[in-house]
Amino acid sequence: MTVQVKEFELLVEICKHLRAEGARPELATALQRAINRMHQEQERAWAGNHRPEPAPKWVTARLAKEDAPLMQRLLEAGYPAEEIDHHESDLYIYVTPLTTQVIEQWCREHEYDRAWHCPTFYDQISGRLMYDCAFQYSDWWAEKAKTAP
């Protein structure tokens, strides 16, 4: 069924008027269904004529960078695994030049605020400054995925 834009707009106005009066709710409902079907047909026709373009290079590069979790980046950069601690999904690592560089880069790439996503605190046992990176302990998420229903 082909409907011109003005006819389509007129059907929408009639439907609004019928709903506002409340006199013929079954007619308004049927008209709304027809409008929805026509709208879906218009969207399908438009989508059939418009092929998506390839993603811009900056989008592709950003998606590639997002594939490496922060914990993996730290380990690849040489941070010792035995100095990684956590509470559930929160990653705790000592503040060092290496961790600061990796975290700052990760925050820049994701447009995160370091003070918000990886605030610092003093470890009560060692007294050293640590980063608390929320939701970044990858092993916890891997374990959670195994036990998910």
N, C-alpha and C. Protein backbone atom coordinates (compact mmCIF):
# COMPACT_ATOMS: atom_id res chain seq x y z
N MET A 1 0.85 -1.16 0.00
CA MET A 1 0.00 0.00 0.00
C MET A 1 0.90 1.23 0.00
N THR A 2 0.66 2.13 -0.93
CA THR A 2 1.44 3.36 -1.02
C THR A 2 0.57 4.52 -0.57
N VAL A 3 1.08 5.26 0.40
CA VAL A 3 0.35 6.40 0.94
C VAL A 3 1.28 7.61 0.84
N GLN A 4 0.73 8.71 0.36
CA GLN A 4 1.51 9.94 0.26
C GLN A 4 1.71 10.52 1.66
N VAL A 5 2.70 11.38 1.80
CA VAL A 5 3.04 11.96 3.10
C VAL A 5 1.86 12.73 3.68
N LYS A 6 1.18 13.52 2.87
CA LYS A 6 0.05 14.31 3.38
C LYS A 6 -1.09 13.40 3.83
N GLU A 7 -1.32 12.31 3.09
CA GLU A 7 -2.36 11.36 3.49
C GLU A 7 -1.99 10.69 4.82
N PHE A 8 -0.74 10.34 4.96
CA PHE A 8 -0.27 9.71 6.18
C PHE A 8 -0.45 10.66 7.37
N GLU A 9 -0.06 11.92 7.19
CA GLU A 9 -0.21 12.91 8.26
C GLU A 9 -1.68 13.12 8.61
N LEU A 10 -2.56 13.09 7.61
CA LEU A 10 -3.99 13.25 7.85
C LEU A 10 -4.51 12.07 8.67
N LEU A 11 -4.08 10.85 8.36
CA LEU A 11 -4.49 9.68 9.14
C LEU A 11 -4.04 9.80 10.60
N VAL A 12 -2.86 10.30 10.80
CA VAL A 12 -2.35 10.49 12.17
C VAL A 12 -3.21 11.50 12.91
N GLU A 13 -3.57 12.60 12.26
CA GLU A 13 -4.41 13.62 12.89
C GLU A 13 -5.81 13.07 13.21
N ILE A 14 -6.36 12.29 12.31
CA ILE A 14 -7.68 11.68 12.55
C ILE A 14 -7.60 10.74 13.76
N CYS A 15 -6.56 9.96 13.82
CA CYS A 15 -6.37 9.04 14.94
C CYS A 15 -6.27 9.81 16.25
N LYS A 16 -5.50 10.89 16.28
CA LYS A 16 -5.38 11.71 17.48
C LYS A 16 -6.74 12.28 17.90
N HIS A 17 -7.50 12.74 16.91
CA HIS A 17 -8.82 13.31 17.19
C HIS A 17 -9.75 12.25 17.77
N LEU A 18 -9.75 11.04 17.18
CA LEU A 18 -10.61 9.96 17.68
C LEU A 18 -10.23 9.57 19.11
N ARG A 19 -8.94 9.52 19.39
CA ARG A 19 -8.49 9.17 20.74
C ARG A 19 -8.89 10.25 21.75
N ALA A 20 -8.76 11.52 21.35
CA ALA A 20 -9.08 12.62 22.26
C ALA A 20 -10.57 12.63 22.61
N GLU A 21 -11.44 12.38 21.63
CA GLU A 21 -12.88 12.37 21.88
C GLU A 21 -13.30 11.13 22.65
N GLY A 22 -12.67 10.02 22.38
CA GLY A 22 -13.00 8.77 23.07
C GLY A 22 -14.31 8.14 22.63
N ALA A 23 -14.91 8.66 21.54
CA ALA A 23 -16.20 8.16 21.08
C ALA A 23 -16.07 6.79 20.41
N ARG A 24 -15.03 6.58 19.62
CA ARG A 24 -14.87 5.32 18.89
C ARG A 24 -13.48 4.74 19.15
N PRO A 25 -13.21 4.19 20.35
CA PRO A 25 -11.87 3.71 20.67
C PRO A 25 -11.43 2.55 19.78
N GLU A 26 -12.38 1.71 19.34
CA GLU A 26 -12.00 0.58 18.48
C GLU A 26 -11.55 1.08 17.11
N LEU A 27 -12.15 2.14 16.61
CA LEU A 27 -11.74 2.71 15.33
C LEU A 27 -10.36 3.37 15.46
N ALA A 28 -10.14 4.08 16.57
CA ALA A 28 -8.84 4.72 16.80
C ALA A 28 -7.74 3.66 16.90
N THR A 29 -8.01 2.54 17.57
CA THR A 29 -7.03 1.47 17.71
C THR A 29 -6.71 0.84 16.36
N ALA A 30 -7.75 0.58 15.56
CA ALA A 30 -7.53 -0.01 14.23
C ALA A 30 -6.74 0.95 13.35
N LEU A 31 -7.06 2.22 13.43
CA LEU A 31 -6.34 3.22 12.64
C LEU A 31 -4.89 3.32 13.09
N GLN A 32 -4.64 3.24 14.40
CA GLN A 32 -3.28 3.28 14.92
C GLN A 32 -2.47 2.09 14.41
N ARG A 33 -3.09 0.90 14.36
CA ARG A 33 -2.40 -0.29 13.84
C ARG A 33 -2.04 -0.10 12.37
N ALA A 34 -2.95 0.45 11.60
CA ALA A 34 -2.68 0.69 10.18
C ALA A 34 -1.55 1.70 10.00
N ILE A 35 -1.56 2.74 10.82
CA ILE A 35 -0.51 3.75 10.76
C ILE A 35 0.83 3.11 11.09
N ASN A 36 0.86 2.28 12.13
CA ASN A 36 2.11 1.61 12.52
C ASN A 36 2.63 0.71 11.40
N ARG A 37 1.73 -0.04 10.75
CA ARG A 37 2.14 -0.91 9.64
C ARG A 37 2.72 -0.09 8.49
N MET A 38 2.05 1.01 8.15
CA MET A 38 2.54 1.86 7.07
C MET A 38 3.90 2.45 7.42
N HIS A 39 4.06 2.85 8.66
CA HIS A 39 5.33 3.42 9.10
C HIS A 39 6.44 2.37 8.99
N GLN A 40 6.15 1.13 9.39
CA GLN A 40 7.14 0.05 9.27
C GLN A 40 7.51 -0.20 7.82
N GLU A 41 6.51 -0.18 6.94
CA GLU A 41 6.79 -0.37 5.51
C GLU A 41 7.67 0.74 4.97
N GLN A 42 7.41 1.97 5.40
CA GLN A 42 8.24 3.09 4.97
C GLN A 42 9.68 2.92 5.45
N GLU A 43 9.84 2.49 6.70
CA GLU A 43 11.20 2.28 7.23
C GLU A 43 11.92 1.17 6.48
N ARG A 44 11.21 0.08 6.18
CA ARG A 44 11.84 -1.01 5.43
C ARG A 44 12.25 -0.57 4.03
N ALA A 45 11.39 0.20 3.38
CA ALA A 45 11.71 0.70 2.04
C ALA A 45 12.93 1.61 2.10
N TRP A 46 12.98 2.49 3.09
CA TRP A 46 14.13 3.39 3.23
C TRP A 46 15.40 2.58 3.49
N ALA A 47 15.33 1.61 4.40
CA ALA A 47 16.50 0.80 4.74
C ALA A 47 16.99 -0.01 3.54
N GLY A 48 16.07 -0.45 2.70
CA GLY A 48 16.46 -1.20 1.51
C GLY A 48 17.24 -0.36 0.51
N ASN A 49 17.00 0.94 0.51
CA ASN A 49 17.68 1.84 -0.42
C ASN A 49 18.94 2.48 0.16
N HIS A 50 19.17 2.32 1.44
CA HIS A 50 20.31 2.96 2.10
C HIS A 50 21.19 1.91 2.77
N ARG A 51 22.27 1.63 2.14
CA ARG A 51 23.23 0.68 2.70
C ARG A 51 24.12 1.41 3.70
N PRO A 52 24.40 0.78 4.84
CA PRO A 52 25.28 1.44 5.80
C PRO A 52 26.70 1.56 5.25
N GLU A 53 27.30 2.69 5.53
CA GLU A 53 28.68 2.91 5.11
C GLU A 53 29.62 2.25 6.12
N PRO A 54 30.84 1.97 5.72
CA PRO A 54 31.79 1.42 6.70
C PRO A 54 32.02 2.42 7.83
N ALA A 55 32.28 1.90 9.00
CA ALA A 55 32.51 2.77 10.16
C ALA A 55 33.75 3.62 9.92
N PRO A 56 33.74 4.87 10.39
CA PRO A 56 34.93 5.71 10.26
C PRO A 56 36.12 5.07 10.98
N LYS A 57 37.32 5.44 10.55
CA LYS A 57 38.53 4.84 11.12
C LYS A 57 38.63 5.08 12.62
N TRP A 58 38.20 6.25 13.10
CA TRP A 58 38.32 6.54 14.52
C TRP A 58 37.40 5.63 15.34
N VAL A 59 36.25 5.26 14.79
CA VAL A 59 35.34 4.34 15.49
C VAL A 59 35.96 2.95 15.54
N THR A 60 36.50 2.49 14.43
CA THR A 60 37.14 1.18 14.38
C THR A 60 38.32 1.11 15.35
N ALA A 61 39.11 2.17 15.39
CA ALA A 61 40.27 2.20 16.29
C ALA A 61 39.82 2.19 17.75
N ARG A 62 38.78 2.93 18.05
CA ARG A 62 38.30 2.97 19.43
C ARG A 62 37.75 1.61 19.86
N LEU A 63 37.01 0.96 18.99
CA LEU A 63 36.46 -0.36 19.31
C LEU A 63 37.58 -1.37 19.52
N ALA A 64 38.64 -1.29 18.74
CA ALA A 64 39.77 -2.21 18.89
C ALA A 64 40.46 -2.00 20.23
N LYS A 65 40.57 -0.75 20.65
CA LYS A 65 41.22 -0.46 21.93
C LYS A 65 40.36 -0.94 23.10
N GLU A 66 39.05 -0.88 22.95
CA GLU A 66 38.16 -1.28 24.02
C GLU A 66 38.18 -2.78 24.26
N ASP A 67 38.74 -3.54 23.35
CA ASP A 67 38.77 -4.99 23.51
C ASP A 67 39.71 -5.43 24.63
N ALA A 68 40.72 -4.64 24.94
CA ALA A 68 41.70 -5.02 25.97
C ALA A 68 41.29 -4.43 27.31
N PRO A 69 40.87 -5.29 28.26
CA PRO A 69 40.50 -4.79 29.59
C PRO A 69 41.71 -4.17 30.30
N LEU A 70 41.44 -3.32 31.26
CA LEU A 70 42.51 -2.64 31.98
C LEU A 70 43.45 -3.64 32.65
N MET A 71 42.92 -4.66 33.28
CA MET A 71 43.76 -5.63 33.96
C MET A 71 44.72 -6.31 32.98
N GLN A 72 44.24 -6.65 31.81
CA GLN A 72 45.08 -7.27 30.78
C GLN A 72 46.16 -6.29 30.32
N ARG A 73 45.80 -5.03 30.14
CA ARG A 73 46.78 -4.03 29.74
C ARG A 73 47.90 -3.89 30.77
N LEU A 74 47.52 -3.92 32.05
CA LEU A 74 48.53 -3.80 33.11
C LEU A 74 49.48 -4.99 33.10
N LEU A 75 48.93 -6.19 32.95
CA LEU A 75 49.78 -7.38 32.91
C LEU A 75 50.70 -7.37 31.69
N GLU A 76 50.17 -6.97 30.54
CA GLU A 76 50.98 -6.90 29.32
C GLU A 76 52.08 -5.84 29.43
N ALA A 77 51.81 -4.80 30.21
CA ALA A 77 52.81 -3.74 30.38
C ALA A 77 53.90 -4.15 31.37
N GLY A 78 53.70 -5.26 32.08
CA GLY A 78 54.73 -5.75 32.99
C GLY A 78 54.41 -5.60 34.46
N TYR A 79 53.18 -5.23 34.80
CA TYR A 79 52.83 -5.14 36.22
C TYR A 79 52.75 -6.56 36.79
N PRO A 80 53.38 -6.83 37.95
CA PRO A 80 53.40 -8.19 38.49
C PRO A 80 52.01 -8.66 38.96
N ALA A 81 51.63 -9.85 38.53
CA ALA A 81 50.31 -10.41 38.88
C ALA A 81 50.16 -10.59 40.38
N GLU A 82 51.26 -10.86 41.09
CA GLU A 82 51.17 -11.08 42.53
C GLU A 82 50.88 -9.79 43.30
N GLU A 83 51.02 -8.64 42.67
CA GLU A 83 50.70 -7.37 43.32
C GLU A 83 49.29 -6.89 42.99
N ILE A 84 48.55 -7.69 42.26
CA ILE A 84 47.15 -7.35 41.96
C ILE A 84 46.28 -7.89 43.08
N ASP A 85 45.40 -7.03 43.55
CA ASP A 85 44.44 -7.45 44.57
C ASP A 85 43.06 -6.99 44.10
N HIS A 86 42.04 -7.46 44.78
CA HIS A 86 40.69 -7.11 44.36
C HIS A 86 39.71 -7.32 45.51
N HIS A 87 38.56 -6.70 45.35
CA HIS A 87 37.39 -7.03 46.16
C HIS A 87 36.27 -7.21 45.15
N GLU A 88 35.80 -8.44 45.02
CA GLU A 88 34.84 -8.82 43.98
C GLU A 88 35.35 -8.31 42.63
N SER A 89 34.63 -7.40 41.98
CA SER A 89 35.03 -6.97 40.64
C SER A 89 35.94 -5.74 40.62
N ASP A 90 36.20 -5.17 41.78
CA ASP A 90 37.05 -3.98 41.84
C ASP A 90 38.53 -4.37 41.89
N LEU A 91 39.30 -3.76 41.02
CA LEU A 91 40.72 -4.04 40.88
C LEU A 91 41.53 -3.08 41.74
N TYR A 92 42.45 -3.64 42.57
CA TYR A 92 43.33 -2.83 43.41
C TYR A 92 44.77 -3.05 42.94
N ILE A 93 45.43 -1.96 42.57
CA ILE A 93 46.83 -2.04 42.16
C ILE A 93 47.59 -0.86 42.78
N TYR A 94 48.88 -1.08 43.04
CA TYR A 94 49.70 -0.01 43.63
C TYR A 94 49.96 1.09 42.60
N VAL A 95 50.03 2.31 43.11
CA VAL A 95 50.35 3.47 42.27
C VAL A 95 51.85 3.45 41.99
N THR A 96 52.20 3.28 40.73
CA THR A 96 53.59 3.31 40.27
C THR A 96 53.61 4.10 38.97
N PRO A 97 54.78 4.48 38.48
CA PRO A 97 54.81 5.16 37.18
C PRO A 97 54.18 4.30 36.07
N LEU A 98 54.41 2.99 36.11
CA LEU A 98 53.84 2.10 35.10
C LEU A 98 52.32 2.07 35.17
N THR A 99 51.76 1.87 36.37
CA THR A 99 50.30 1.79 36.49
C THR A 99 49.65 3.13 36.16
N THR A 100 50.29 4.21 36.57
CA THR A 100 49.75 5.53 36.26
C THR A 100 49.70 5.76 34.76
N GLN A 101 50.76 5.37 34.05
CA GLN A 101 50.80 5.54 32.60
C GLN A 101 49.70 4.71 31.93
N VAL A 102 49.56 3.45 32.33
CA VAL A 102 48.56 2.58 31.70
C VAL A 102 47.14 3.08 32.00
N ILE A 103 46.90 3.46 33.25
CA ILE A 103 45.56 3.93 33.63
C ILE A 103 45.23 5.24 32.94
N GLU A 104 46.18 6.16 32.89
CA GLU A 104 45.93 7.44 32.21
C GLU A 104 45.60 7.22 30.73
N GLN A 105 46.33 6.33 30.07
CA GLN A 105 46.07 6.02 28.66
C GLN A 105 44.69 5.39 28.50
N TRP A 106 44.35 4.45 29.35
CA TRP A 106 43.05 3.77 29.31
C TRP A 106 41.92 4.78 29.51
N CYS A 107 42.10 5.69 30.45
CA CYS A 107 41.09 6.72 30.71
C CYS A 107 40.93 7.66 29.51
N ARG A 108 42.05 8.05 28.90
CA ARG A 108 41.98 8.93 27.71
C ARG A 108 41.22 8.24 26.58
N GLU A 109 41.55 6.97 26.34
CA GLU A 109 40.91 6.25 25.24
C GLU A 109 39.41 6.10 25.43
N HIS A 110 38.98 5.96 26.67
CA HIS A 110 37.56 5.76 26.94
C HIS A 110 36.85 7.03 27.38
N GLU A 111 37.61 8.14 27.41
CA GLU A 111 37.08 9.43 27.85
C GLU A 111 36.53 9.34 29.27
N TYR A 112 37.28 8.65 30.15
CA TYR A 112 36.93 8.51 31.55
C TYR A 112 37.69 9.55 32.37
N ASP A 113 37.14 9.87 33.51
CA ASP A 113 37.81 10.72 34.48
C ASP A 113 38.55 9.79 35.44
N ARG A 114 39.89 9.89 35.48
CA ARG A 114 40.67 8.97 36.30
C ARG A 114 40.27 9.04 37.77
N ALA A 115 40.01 10.24 38.26
CA ALA A 115 39.65 10.40 39.66
C ALA A 115 38.32 9.71 39.99
N TRP A 116 37.48 9.54 39.00
CA TRP A 116 36.17 8.90 39.20
C TRP A 116 36.26 7.39 38.97
N HIS A 117 36.92 6.96 37.91
CA HIS A 117 36.97 5.54 37.56
C HIS A 117 38.06 4.77 38.29
N CYS A 118 39.14 5.42 38.68
CA CYS A 118 40.23 4.77 39.41
C CYS A 118 40.74 5.70 40.51
N PRO A 119 39.92 5.96 41.52
CA PRO A 119 40.40 6.82 42.61
C PRO A 119 41.50 6.12 43.40
N THR A 120 42.23 6.87 44.20
CA THR A 120 43.32 6.29 44.99
C THR A 120 42.93 6.23 46.46
N PHE A 121 43.60 5.33 47.18
CA PHE A 121 43.43 5.19 48.62
C PHE A 121 44.73 4.62 49.19
N TYR A 122 44.90 4.72 50.49
CA TYR A 122 46.08 4.14 51.13
C TYR A 122 45.74 2.75 51.66
N ASP A 123 46.55 1.77 51.26
CA ASP A 123 46.40 0.40 51.73
C ASP A 123 46.65 0.36 53.24
N GLN A 124 45.74 -0.24 54.00
CA GLN A 124 45.87 -0.26 55.46
C GLN A 124 46.98 -1.19 55.94
N ILE A 125 47.38 -2.16 55.13
CA ILE A 125 48.42 -3.10 55.54
C ILE A 125 49.80 -2.55 55.22
N SER A 126 50.01 -2.16 53.97
CA SER A 126 51.35 -1.69 53.56
C SER A 126 51.53 -0.19 53.71
N GLY A 127 50.42 0.55 53.77
CA GLY A 127 50.50 2.00 53.85
C GLY A 127 50.79 2.66 52.51
N ARG A 128 50.86 1.85 51.43
CA ARG A 128 51.16 2.39 50.08
C ARG A 128 49.87 2.85 49.41
N LEU A 129 50.05 3.80 48.49
CA LEU A 129 48.94 4.33 47.72
C LEU A 129 48.54 3.31 46.65
N MET A 130 47.21 3.11 46.50
CA MET A 130 46.69 2.14 45.52
C MET A 130 45.59 2.78 44.69
N TYR A 131 45.41 2.25 43.48
CA TYR A 131 44.26 2.60 42.65
C TYR A 131 43.14 1.62 42.95
N ASP A 132 41.91 2.13 42.97
CA ASP A 132 40.71 1.30 43.12
C ASP A 132 39.91 1.45 41.83
N CYS A 133 40.11 0.54 40.89
CA CYS A 133 39.47 0.63 39.57
C CYS A 133 38.18 -0.22 39.57
N ALA A 134 37.07 0.47 39.59
CA ALA A 134 35.78 -0.19 39.70
C ALA A 134 35.50 -1.09 38.50
N PHE A 135 35.05 -2.30 38.78
CA PHE A 135 34.60 -3.29 37.79
C PHE A 135 35.69 -3.77 36.84
N GLN A 136 36.96 -3.64 37.20
CA GLN A 136 38.03 -3.97 36.26
C GLN A 136 38.79 -5.25 36.58
N TYR A 137 38.38 -5.99 37.62
CA TYR A 137 39.05 -7.25 37.92
C TYR A 137 38.45 -8.32 37.01
N SER A 138 39.13 -8.62 35.91
CA SER A 138 38.62 -9.49 34.85
C SER A 138 38.32 -10.91 35.31
N ASP A 139 39.14 -11.44 36.23
CA ASP A 139 38.94 -12.83 36.67
C ASP A 139 37.60 -13.01 37.36
N TRP A 140 37.15 -12.00 38.10
CA TRP A 140 35.85 -12.08 38.78
C TRP A 140 34.73 -12.18 37.75
N TRP A 141 34.83 -11.37 36.68
CA TRP A 141 33.81 -11.39 35.63
C TRP A 141 33.82 -12.72 34.88
N ALA A 142 35.01 -13.28 34.65
CA ALA A 142 35.10 -14.58 33.97
C ALA A 142 34.44 -15.66 34.82
N GLU A 143 34.67 -15.63 36.13
CA GLU A 143 34.07 -16.60 37.03
C GLU A 143 32.56 -16.41 37.09
N LYS A 144 32.12 -15.16 37.10
CA LYS A 144 30.68 -14.84 37.13
C LYS A 144 30.00 -15.35 35.86
N ALA A 145 30.67 -15.25 34.73
CA ALA A 145 30.10 -15.71 33.45
C ALA A 145 29.93 -17.23 33.46
N LYS A 146 30.83 -17.95 34.12
CA LYS A 146 30.72 -19.42 34.19
C LYS A 146 29.53 -19.87 35.02
N THR A 147 29.23 -19.12 36.07
CA THR A 147 28.15 -19.52 36.98
C THR A 147 26.80 -18.93 36.60
N ALA A 148 26.76 -18.07 35.59
CA ALA A 148 25.49 -17.46 35.18
C ALA A 148 24.57 -18.53 34.58
N PRO A 149 23.26 -18.40 34.85
CA PRO A 149 22.31 -19.39 34.32
C PRO A 149 22.18 -19.35 32.82
